[in-house]
Amino acid sequence: LKRKASQRSLDQNAWAWGVAYPVLAEALGYDKHEHEDLHYALVAKCFGEHFDKRIGAMLPNKRSSKLTTKEFSEYMDWLVRFAATELGGILVPLPGETEAA
């Protein structure tokens, strides 16, 4: 028997769109209407991308909607590390974390 992996949770998705992407968008200069573009760019940066000959464009190797809760948790950790290391120490709090006073 194989245990079915569960798809990303609603809480994970809410954190990405409600916490991580707004912080990263501000740091990278994306406007609110560009958050979806940022999302696809970050998923591609994290998981790699490939060229789709049918539409003539680069696409992410994975879709966030198809990630398991474990994979999405790893993506969340990656977003936090990316912000801290690649964006000059930008803090993206994970769920349950609060900024120190």
Protein backbone atom coordinates (compact mmCIF):
# COMPACT_ATOMS: atom_id res chain seq x y z
CA LEU A 1 0.00 0.00 0.00
CA LYS A 2 1.18 3.47 -0.81
CA ARG A 3 0.15 6.44 1.27
CA LYS A 4 -1.33 9.24 -0.83
CA ALA A 5 0.56 12.49 -0.38
CA SER A 6 -1.68 15.39 0.49
CA GLN A 7 -1.79 18.49 -1.66
CA ARG A 8 -0.54 21.80 -0.26
CA SER A 9 -2.77 23.15 2.47
CA LEU A 10 -4.95 26.23 2.33
CA ASP A 11 -2.88 27.68 5.20
CA GLN A 12 0.33 27.18 3.22
CA ASN A 13 -1.18 28.86 0.18
CA ALA A 14 -2.53 31.72 2.32
CA TRP A 15 0.94 32.27 3.82
CA ALA A 16 2.56 32.42 0.38
CA TRP A 17 0.07 34.93 -1.04
CA GLY A 18 -0.62 36.86 2.17
CA VAL A 19 2.85 37.05 3.74
CA ALA A 20 5.72 35.91 1.52
CA TYR A 21 4.79 37.35 -1.87
CA PRO A 22 3.86 40.82 -0.57
CA VAL A 23 7.19 41.09 1.30
CA LEU A 24 9.18 39.78 -1.67
CA ALA A 25 7.24 41.92 -4.15
CA GLU A 26 8.05 45.07 -2.19
CA ALA A 27 11.73 44.12 -1.98
CA LEU A 28 11.92 43.34 -5.70
CA GLY A 29 9.79 46.26 -6.92
CA TYR A 30 6.73 44.33 -8.08
CA ASP A 31 3.37 46.11 -7.96
CA LYS A 32 0.34 44.35 -6.44
CA HIS A 33 -1.02 43.45 -9.88
CA GLU A 34 2.31 41.70 -10.64
CA HIS A 35 2.28 39.26 -7.71
CA GLU A 36 1.24 36.39 -9.98
CA ASP A 37 4.25 37.07 -12.24
CA LEU A 38 6.47 37.05 -9.15
CA HIS A 39 4.91 33.77 -8.03
CA TYR A 40 5.70 32.02 -11.32
CA ALA A 41 9.22 33.47 -11.40
CA LEU A 42 9.97 32.24 -7.87
CA VAL A 43 8.53 28.77 -8.47
CA ALA A 44 10.72 28.52 -11.59
CA LYS A 45 13.78 29.74 -9.68
CA CYS A 46 13.20 27.22 -6.90
CA PHE A 47 12.30 24.16 -8.98
CA GLY A 48 13.88 24.97 -12.34
CA GLU A 49 12.20 25.53 -15.67
CA HIS A 50 11.97 24.05 -19.15
CA PHE A 51 11.18 25.31 -22.64
CA ASP A 52 7.73 24.37 -23.92
CA LYS A 53 7.93 24.21 -27.72
CA ARG A 54 4.15 24.28 -28.06
CA ILE A 55 3.84 27.80 -26.72
CA GLY A 56 7.43 28.91 -27.23
CA ALA A 57 8.07 29.93 -23.63
CA MET A 58 9.88 28.86 -20.49
CA LEU A 59 7.65 27.23 -17.85
CA PRO A 60 8.35 26.15 -14.28
CA ASN A 61 9.17 22.44 -13.86
CA LYS A 62 6.58 22.23 -11.09
CA ARG A 63 3.28 23.94 -10.38
CA SER A 64 2.70 25.07 -6.82
CA SER A 65 -0.88 23.81 -6.98
CA LYS A 66 0.43 20.28 -7.53
CA LEU A 67 2.95 20.31 -4.65
CA THR A 68 2.39 18.09 -1.65
CA THR A 69 2.27 19.67 1.80
CA LYS A 70 5.86 18.49 2.35
CA GLU A 71 7.08 19.94 -0.97
CA PHE A 72 5.27 23.21 -0.30
CA SER A 73 6.81 23.38 3.16
CA GLU A 74 10.23 23.01 1.52
CA TYR A 75 9.27 25.79 -0.93
CA MET A 76 8.25 28.00 2.01
CA ASP A 77 11.63 27.42 3.65
CA TRP A 78 13.33 28.18 0.33
CA LEU A 79 11.44 31.50 0.01
CA VAL A 80 12.60 32.52 3.51
CA ARG A 81 16.22 31.60 2.71
CA PHE A 82 16.06 33.31 -0.70
CA ALA A 83 14.86 36.55 0.87
CA ALA A 84 17.51 36.43 3.58
CA THR A 85 20.46 35.52 1.37
CA GLU A 86 19.68 36.87 -2.10
CA LEU A 87 17.77 40.02 -1.13
CA GLY A 88 20.09 41.40 1.51
CA GLY A 89 18.57 40.03 4.67
CA ILE A 90 14.86 40.57 3.96
CA LEU A 91 12.83 38.86 6.70
CA VAL A 92 9.89 36.71 5.65
CA PRO A 93 8.39 35.19 8.81
CA LEU A 94 7.16 31.63 8.65
CA PRO A 95 3.76 30.85 10.19
CA GLY A 96 3.95 31.15 13.96
CA GLU A 97 7.06 33.31 13.91
CA THR A 98 6.98 36.85 15.20
CA GLU A 99 9.52 39.60 14.86
CA ALA A 100 11.68 40.17 17.92
CA ALA A 101 11.03 43.50 19.55
